[in-house]
N, C-alpha and C. Protein backbone atom coordinates (compact mmCIF):
# COMPACT_ATOMS: atom_id res chain seq x y z
N MET A 1 15.34 -34.44 -8.14
CA MET A 1 15.92 -34.21 -9.16
C MET A 1 14.82 -33.35 -10.46
N LEU A 2 15.31 -32.42 -10.69
CA LEU A 2 14.79 -31.77 -11.78
C LEU A 2 14.77 -32.41 -13.45
N THR A 3 14.28 -32.46 -14.23
CA THR A 3 14.55 -32.94 -15.30
C THR A 3 14.77 -31.90 -16.58
N ALA A 4 15.59 -32.44 -17.34
CA ALA A 4 15.97 -31.27 -18.28
C ALA A 4 15.23 -30.24 -18.64
N LYS A 5 13.58 -30.53 -19.24
CA LYS A 5 12.61 -29.68 -19.33
C LYS A 5 12.35 -29.06 -18.23
N GLN A 6 12.00 -29.12 -16.95
CA GLN A 6 11.78 -28.32 -16.05
C GLN A 6 12.63 -27.44 -15.78
N VAL A 7 14.08 -27.80 -15.95
CA VAL A 7 15.35 -27.10 -16.01
C VAL A 7 15.13 -25.73 -16.83
N GLU A 8 14.96 -25.98 -18.23
CA GLU A 8 15.03 -25.18 -19.03
C GLU A 8 13.78 -24.30 -18.80
N ASP A 9 12.71 -24.80 -18.56
CA ASP A 9 11.71 -24.14 -17.99
C ASP A 9 11.59 -23.12 -17.36
N LEU A 10 12.38 -23.13 -16.22
CA LEU A 10 12.98 -22.19 -15.31
C LEU A 10 13.38 -21.47 -15.47
N ILE A 11 14.89 -21.47 -16.43
CA ILE A 11 15.70 -20.95 -16.59
C ILE A 11 15.22 -19.52 -18.10
N ARG A 12 14.32 -20.14 -18.85
CA ARG A 12 13.61 -19.38 -19.62
C ARG A 12 12.43 -18.52 -18.68
N GLY A 13 11.81 -19.29 -17.99
CA GLY A 13 11.16 -18.13 -16.81
C GLY A 13 11.77 -17.14 -16.50
N GLY A 14 12.92 -16.98 -15.53
CA GLY A 14 13.32 -16.56 -14.92
C GLY A 14 14.35 -15.51 -15.65
N LEU A 15 14.56 -15.98 -16.92
CA LEU A 15 15.96 -15.03 -18.19
C LEU A 15 14.91 -14.97 -19.22
N PRO A 16 13.64 -14.30 -19.81
CA PRO A 16 13.37 -14.65 -21.15
C PRO A 16 14.30 -14.36 -22.17
N ALA A 17 15.51 -13.84 -21.78
CA ALA A 17 16.44 -13.62 -23.02
C ALA A 17 17.10 -15.33 -23.31
N ALA A 18 16.77 -16.31 -22.51
CA ALA A 18 17.61 -17.06 -23.03
C ALA A 18 16.66 -17.64 -24.00
N ALA A 19 15.61 -17.71 -23.80
CA ALA A 19 14.99 -18.41 -24.98
C ALA A 19 15.36 -17.61 -26.19
N GLU A 20 15.55 -16.23 -26.57
CA GLU A 20 15.39 -15.46 -27.44
C GLU A 20 17.03 -15.82 -27.96
N GLN A 21 18.03 -16.36 -27.01
CA GLN A 21 19.36 -16.60 -27.42
C GLN A 21 19.66 -18.08 -27.93
N GLY A 22 19.01 -18.79 -28.12
CA GLY A 22 18.60 -20.30 -28.69
C GLY A 22 19.02 -21.08 -27.56
N ILE A 23 19.28 -20.82 -26.01
CA ILE A 23 19.88 -21.77 -25.04
C ILE A 23 18.85 -23.02 -24.62
N LEU A 24 19.49 -24.10 -25.48
CA LEU A 24 18.62 -25.54 -24.57
C LEU A 24 19.24 -26.60 -23.85
N VAL A 25 17.99 -26.74 -22.62
CA VAL A 25 18.84 -27.87 -21.53
C VAL A 25 18.74 -28.92 -22.39
N GLU A 26 19.55 -29.64 -22.61
CA GLU A 26 19.66 -31.19 -23.63
C GLU A 26 19.20 -32.32 -22.43
N GLU A 27 20.05 -31.97 -21.63
CA GLU A 27 20.37 -33.19 -20.62
C GLU A 27 20.76 -33.02 -19.18
N VAL A 28 20.33 -33.58 -17.93
CA VAL A 28 20.95 -33.32 -16.92
C VAL A 28 20.77 -34.45 -16.11
N GLY A 29 21.41 -34.60 -14.70
CA GLY A 29 21.95 -35.79 -14.23
C GLY A 29 22.53 -35.39 -13.23
N GLU A 30 23.04 -36.34 -12.16
CA GLU A 30 23.22 -36.35 -10.70
C GLU A 30 24.66 -35.30 -10.85
N HIS A 31 24.90 -34.12 -10.46
CA HIS A 31 25.86 -33.44 -10.66
C HIS A 31 26.49 -33.04 -11.83
N ARG A 32 25.50 -33.11 -13.32
CA ARG A 32 25.49 -32.49 -14.33
C ARG A 32 25.01 -32.30 -15.08
N ALA A 33 25.19 -31.18 -16.49
CA ALA A 33 23.99 -30.90 -17.37
C ALA A 33 24.83 -30.52 -18.16
N ARG A 34 23.94 -30.59 -19.59
CA ARG A 34 24.19 -30.56 -20.89
C ARG A 34 23.14 -29.54 -22.06
N VAL A 35 23.89 -28.56 -22.36
CA VAL A 35 23.14 -26.94 -22.24
C VAL A 35 23.77 -27.03 -23.91
N ARG A 36 22.67 -26.89 -24.80
CA ARG A 36 23.39 -26.28 -26.16
C ARG A 36 22.61 -24.83 -26.13
N TYR A 37 24.01 -24.31 -27.28
CA TYR A 37 23.76 -22.63 -27.29
C TYR A 37 23.35 -22.69 -29.22
N ARG A 38 22.61 -23.10 -29.53
CA ARG A 38 21.98 -22.57 -30.84
C ARG A 38 22.65 -21.71 -31.82
N PHE A 39 23.01 -21.68 -32.95
CA PHE A 39 24.41 -20.65 -33.61
C PHE A 39 23.02 -20.03 -34.48
N ASP A 40 23.92 -18.58 -34.07
CA ASP A 40 23.62 -17.79 -34.76
C ASP A 40 24.44 -16.76 -35.43
N ALA A 41 24.45 -16.10 -36.78
CA ALA A 41 25.76 -15.32 -37.13
C ALA A 41 25.97 -14.05 -36.11
N SER A 42 25.19 -13.29 -35.58
CA SER A 42 25.23 -12.32 -34.70
C SER A 42 26.47 -12.94 -33.46
N MET A 43 26.55 -14.10 -33.32
CA MET A 43 27.39 -14.52 -32.56
C MET A 43 29.43 -14.47 -32.78
N VAL A 44 29.02 -14.16 -34.26
CA VAL A 44 30.49 -14.19 -34.70
C VAL A 44 30.99 -12.53 -34.60
N ARG A 45 32.27 -12.55 -34.11
CA ARG A 45 33.12 -11.61 -33.88
C ARG A 45 33.91 -11.04 -35.12
N PRO A 46 34.47 -9.78 -35.56
CA PRO A 46 35.66 -9.84 -36.21
C PRO A 46 36.62 -10.92 -36.28
N GLY A 47 37.07 -11.33 -37.57
CA GLY A 47 37.82 -12.25 -37.51
C GLY A 47 37.29 -14.09 -37.42
N GLY A 48 35.98 -13.87 -37.59
CA GLY A 48 35.71 -14.89 -37.72
C GLY A 48 34.85 -16.08 -37.01
N THR A 49 35.22 -15.94 -35.98
CA THR A 49 34.91 -16.96 -34.37
C THR A 49 34.03 -16.60 -33.74
N VAL A 50 33.54 -17.30 -32.89
CA VAL A 50 32.46 -16.97 -32.18
C VAL A 50 32.77 -15.96 -30.39
N SER A 51 32.32 -15.53 -29.94
CA SER A 51 32.54 -14.19 -29.63
C SER A 51 32.59 -14.94 -28.46
N GLY A 52 33.77 -14.16 -26.79
CA GLY A 52 33.96 -14.63 -26.06
C GLY A 52 32.60 -14.76 -24.95
N PRO A 53 32.40 -13.37 -25.41
CA PRO A 53 31.06 -13.29 -24.58
C PRO A 53 29.87 -14.24 -24.71
N THR A 54 29.74 -14.87 -25.92
CA THR A 54 28.66 -15.99 -26.33
C THR A 54 29.18 -17.24 -25.34
N LEU A 55 30.43 -17.74 -25.20
CA LEU A 55 30.95 -18.57 -25.12
C LEU A 55 30.83 -18.85 -23.32
N MET A 56 31.25 -17.52 -22.50
CA MET A 56 30.48 -17.16 -21.54
C MET A 56 29.66 -17.72 -21.21
N SER A 57 28.29 -17.03 -21.81
CA SER A 57 27.22 -17.17 -21.39
C SER A 57 26.72 -18.58 -21.48
N LEU A 58 27.17 -19.41 -22.65
CA LEU A 58 26.83 -20.73 -22.55
C LEU A 58 27.71 -21.59 -21.54
N ALA A 59 28.52 -20.90 -20.87
CA ALA A 59 29.10 -21.85 -19.65
C ALA A 59 28.48 -21.39 -18.48
N ASP A 60 27.95 -20.59 -18.19
CA ASP A 60 27.12 -19.85 -17.09
C ASP A 60 25.85 -20.68 -17.18
N ALA A 61 25.48 -20.66 -17.98
CA ALA A 61 23.99 -21.35 -18.58
C ALA A 61 23.94 -22.64 -18.10
N ALA A 62 24.89 -23.27 -18.13
CA ALA A 62 25.35 -24.71 -18.25
C ALA A 62 25.45 -25.13 -16.68
N MET A 63 26.34 -24.49 -16.10
CA MET A 63 26.34 -23.94 -14.55
C MET A 63 24.93 -24.29 -13.80
N TYR A 64 24.39 -23.23 -14.59
CA TYR A 64 23.39 -22.92 -13.68
C TYR A 64 22.32 -23.95 -13.62
N ALA A 65 21.73 -24.86 -14.79
CA ALA A 65 20.91 -25.56 -15.21
C ALA A 65 21.75 -26.91 -14.45
N ALA A 66 23.07 -27.10 -14.55
CA ALA A 66 23.33 -28.10 -13.00
C ALA A 66 22.90 -27.76 -11.91
N ILE A 67 23.23 -26.55 -11.15
CA ILE A 67 22.85 -26.12 -10.18
C ILE A 67 21.21 -26.26 -9.86
N LEU A 68 20.60 -25.71 -10.81
CA LEU A 68 18.66 -25.89 -10.59
C LEU A 68 18.56 -27.34 -10.76
N ALA A 69 19.03 -28.15 -11.45
CA ALA A 69 18.84 -29.37 -11.23
C ALA A 69 18.82 -29.89 -10.13
N ASN A 70 20.12 -30.12 -9.60
CA ASN A 70 20.51 -30.89 -8.39
C ASN A 70 20.20 -30.25 -7.43
N LEU A 71 19.79 -28.83 -7.02
CA LEU A 71 18.95 -28.31 -5.87
C LEU A 71 17.71 -28.36 -6.11
N ASP A 72 16.85 -28.63 -6.73
CA ASP A 72 15.11 -28.93 -7.02
C ASP A 72 14.84 -27.89 -7.45
N GLY A 73 15.48 -26.84 -8.43
CA GLY A 73 14.82 -25.40 -8.93
C GLY A 73 14.99 -24.06 -8.08
N GLN A 74 15.60 -24.53 -7.17
CA GLN A 74 16.04 -23.35 -6.25
C GLN A 74 16.97 -22.02 -7.53
N GLU A 75 16.11 -21.22 -7.29
CA GLU A 75 16.22 -20.33 -8.77
C GLU A 75 17.43 -19.09 -7.94
N MET A 76 17.76 -18.82 -6.83
CA MET A 76 18.23 -17.66 -6.03
C MET A 76 19.89 -18.43 -6.20
N ALA A 77 20.44 -18.86 -6.23
CA ALA A 77 21.85 -19.29 -6.83
C ALA A 77 22.53 -18.49 -7.74
N VAL A 78 23.30 -18.05 -7.49
CA VAL A 78 24.17 -16.99 -8.29
C VAL A 78 25.53 -17.42 -8.60
N THR A 79 26.03 -16.80 -9.42
CA THR A 79 27.60 -17.15 -10.27
C THR A 79 28.16 -16.14 -9.09
N GLN A 80 29.15 -16.43 -8.40
CA GLN A 80 30.20 -15.79 -7.59
C GLN A 80 31.38 -15.73 -8.37
N ASN A 81 31.73 -16.76 -9.41
CA ASN A 81 33.23 -16.58 -10.18
C ASN A 81 32.66 -17.07 -11.32
N LEU A 82 33.64 -17.13 -12.26
CA LEU A 82 33.68 -17.62 -13.74
C LEU A 82 35.24 -17.58 -14.04
N ASN A 83 35.77 -18.42 -14.64
CA ASN A 83 37.15 -18.51 -14.86
C ASN A 83 37.35 -19.24 -16.19
N ILE A 84 37.89 -18.76 -17.86
CA ILE A 84 37.40 -19.42 -18.66
C ILE A 84 38.81 -19.27 -19.71
N ASN A 85 39.22 -20.53 -20.32
CA ASN A 85 40.09 -20.57 -21.02
C ASN A 85 39.96 -20.86 -22.28
N PHE A 86 40.12 -20.17 -23.00
CA PHE A 86 40.11 -20.33 -24.65
C PHE A 86 40.75 -21.16 -25.70
N LEU A 87 40.57 -22.61 -26.01
CA LEU A 87 41.54 -23.43 -26.27
C LEU A 87 41.45 -23.49 -28.00
N SER A 88 40.53 -23.61 -28.41
CA SER A 88 40.82 -23.13 -30.00
C SER A 88 39.29 -22.57 -30.55
N LYS A 89 39.66 -22.40 -31.94
CA LYS A 89 38.41 -21.40 -32.74
C LYS A 89 37.12 -22.66 -32.65
N PRO A 90 36.53 -21.67 -32.17
CA PRO A 90 35.08 -22.30 -32.57
C PRO A 90 34.14 -22.99 -33.99
N ALA A 91 33.54 -23.48 -34.12
CA ALA A 91 33.43 -23.59 -35.85
C ALA A 91 31.94 -22.86 -35.54
N PRO A 92 31.43 -22.42 -36.99
CA PRO A 92 30.05 -21.53 -36.85
C PRO A 92 29.04 -22.77 -37.00
N ALA A 93 28.86 -23.29 -35.71
CA ALA A 93 27.72 -24.07 -35.46
C ALA A 93 27.39 -24.21 -33.99
N ASP A 94 26.08 -24.83 -33.64
CA ASP A 94 25.86 -24.38 -32.36
C ASP A 94 26.88 -25.26 -31.24
N LEU A 95 26.79 -24.79 -30.40
CA LEU A 95 28.02 -24.67 -29.15
C LEU A 95 27.19 -25.85 -28.22
N ILE A 96 28.08 -26.62 -27.41
CA ILE A 96 27.48 -27.45 -26.64
C ILE A 96 28.37 -27.21 -25.14
N GLY A 97 27.62 -27.07 -24.41
CA GLY A 97 28.29 -27.23 -22.79
C GLY A 97 28.01 -27.89 -21.97
N GLU A 98 28.83 -28.70 -21.55
CA GLU A 98 29.10 -29.87 -20.70
C GLU A 98 29.16 -29.99 -19.09
N ALA A 99 28.53 -29.57 -17.86
CA ALA A 99 28.97 -28.92 -16.73
C ALA A 99 28.73 -29.65 -16.25
N GLU A 100 29.64 -30.02 -14.91
CA GLU A 100 29.91 -31.13 -13.87
C GLU A 100 29.92 -30.07 -12.39
N ILE A 101 29.18 -31.10 -11.52
CA ILE A 101 29.40 -29.85 -10.48
C ILE A 101 30.60 -30.66 -9.60
N ILE A 102 31.63 -30.06 -9.20
CA ILE A 102 32.67 -30.91 -8.51
C ILE A 102 32.43 -30.72 -7.21
N ARG A 103 31.57 -29.71 -6.91
CA ARG A 103 31.64 -29.50 -5.00
C ARG A 103 30.55 -29.13 -4.84
N LEU A 104 29.56 -29.77 -4.15
CA LEU A 104 28.44 -29.11 -3.56
C LEU A 104 28.44 -29.12 -2.24
N GLY A 105 28.61 -27.98 -1.60
CA GLY A 105 28.51 -27.78 -0.41
C GLY A 105 27.63 -26.85 0.10
N ARG A 106 27.18 -26.13 1.25
CA ARG A 106 26.33 -25.46 2.15
C ARG A 106 26.10 -24.23 1.38
N ARG A 107 27.22 -23.31 1.29
CA ARG A 107 27.03 -22.28 0.67
C ARG A 107 27.33 -21.98 -0.86
N SER A 108 28.14 -23.12 -1.11
CA SER A 108 28.74 -22.87 -2.59
C SER A 108 28.73 -23.93 -3.26
N ALA A 109 28.97 -23.87 -4.51
CA ALA A 109 28.97 -25.11 -5.30
C ALA A 109 30.45 -24.73 -6.60
N VAL A 110 31.46 -25.74 -6.18
CA VAL A 110 32.31 -25.42 -7.46
C VAL A 110 32.06 -26.40 -8.41
N LEU A 111 32.08 -25.72 -9.95
CA LEU A 111 31.71 -26.58 -11.16
C LEU A 111 32.79 -26.35 -12.97
N GLU A 112 32.58 -27.19 -13.31
CA GLU A 112 33.68 -27.41 -14.57
C GLU A 112 32.93 -27.47 -15.73
N VAL A 113 32.89 -26.86 -16.90
CA VAL A 113 32.10 -26.87 -18.04
C VAL A 113 33.19 -27.15 -19.14
N ARG A 114 32.95 -28.23 -20.04
CA ARG A 114 33.40 -28.33 -21.20
C ARG A 114 32.76 -27.67 -22.39
N ILE A 115 32.97 -26.77 -23.00
CA ILE A 115 32.27 -26.14 -24.49
C ILE A 115 33.25 -27.03 -25.60
N TYR A 116 32.06 -27.25 -26.70
CA TYR A 116 33.00 -27.72 -27.99
C TYR A 116 32.00 -27.30 -29.10
N SER A 117 32.38 -26.98 -30.10
CA SER A 117 31.47 -26.77 -31.17
C SER A 117 30.49 -28.59 -31.58
N ALA A 118 29.65 -28.03 -31.89
CA ALA A 118 28.82 -29.30 -32.41
C ALA A 118 29.06 -30.10 -33.59
N GLY A 119 29.07 -31.37 -33.30
CA GLY A 119 29.69 -32.48 -34.44
C GLY A 119 31.61 -31.56 -34.54
N ASN A 120 32.16 -31.43 -33.72
CA ASN A 120 33.66 -31.12 -34.13
C ASN A 120 34.07 -31.72 -32.35
N ALA A 121 35.57 -32.24 -32.33
CA ALA A 121 35.53 -32.96 -31.45
C ALA A 121 36.50 -32.44 -30.47
N PRO A 122 37.55 -31.46 -30.48
CA PRO A 122 38.19 -30.41 -29.59
C PRO A 122 37.30 -29.38 -29.04
N MET A 123 38.13 -29.77 -27.89
CA MET A 123 37.28 -28.41 -26.76
C MET A 123 38.02 -27.28 -27.05
N VAL A 124 36.66 -26.59 -27.24
CA VAL A 124 37.03 -25.12 -27.99
C VAL A 124 37.24 -24.13 -26.37
N ALA A 125 36.41 -24.46 -25.29
CA ALA A 125 37.04 -23.54 -24.26
C ALA A 125 36.64 -24.56 -22.93
N HIS A 126 37.56 -24.14 -21.71
CA HIS A 126 37.53 -25.00 -20.72
C HIS A 126 36.81 -24.00 -19.57
N VAL A 127 36.18 -24.28 -18.83
CA VAL A 127 35.32 -23.42 -17.72
C VAL A 127 35.30 -23.64 -16.19
N THR A 128 35.74 -23.10 -15.44
CA THR A 128 35.45 -23.60 -14.31
C THR A 128 34.82 -22.35 -13.39
N GLY A 129 34.21 -22.43 -12.37
CA GLY A 129 33.00 -21.49 -11.83
C GLY A 129 32.46 -21.66 -10.41
N THR A 130 32.13 -21.02 -9.73
CA THR A 130 31.43 -21.34 -8.41
C THR A 130 30.19 -20.62 -8.63
N TYR A 131 29.31 -21.05 -7.45
CA TYR A 131 27.94 -20.66 -7.63
C TYR A 131 27.80 -20.59 -5.94
N ALA A 132 27.30 -19.45 -5.93
CA ALA A 132 27.05 -18.70 -4.50
C ALA A 132 25.77 -19.55 -4.06
N ILE A 133 25.12 -19.90 -2.87
CA ILE A 133 24.02 -20.93 -2.62
C ILE A 133 23.55 -19.73 -1.49
N PRO A 134 22.80 -18.90 -1.57
CA PRO A 134 21.98 -18.30 -0.14
C PRO A 134 21.48 -19.45 1.08
N ALA A 135 22.10 -18.80 2.12
CA ALA A 135 21.60 -19.64 3.26
C ALA A 135 20.77 -19.98 3.66
N SER A 136 19.35 -19.41 3.07
CA SER A 136 18.09 -19.82 3.14
C SER A 136 17.68 -21.43 2.49
N LEU A 137 19.30 -21.37 1.38
CA LEU A 137 18.84 -22.81 0.29
C LEU A 137 19.21 -23.53 0.87
N SER A 138 20.20 -23.81 2.09
CA SER A 138 21.29 -24.18 2.20
C SER A 138 20.82 -25.33 3.14
């Protein structure tokens, strides 16, 4: 299994915009990852809330981090499906995405992500997703 730093380096190497967006892989473990998205005022949409695309980006990054850590850095797994439920208004703070692999098969992985505003208890979004794992990786 890879470390959080190794996963973060892989993400930033394959997608340099991740560093610009402030994505940090804080923790990885068996079938899980915790990713932080640093708050920036550009994330806020009219109405004073963090935009949906920002939350979706964090969810996808958290799922990818969990996959990378648990597939020893195989970067070719790709998002196949993402479903998001917006639960409450995010605070203007860093966002935390806690991803868990629910099922890791030979050709796909099913994941769940819980998103929180840093320092604030209520979950702001619940995400489920599927990652396709190319046959050469399974």
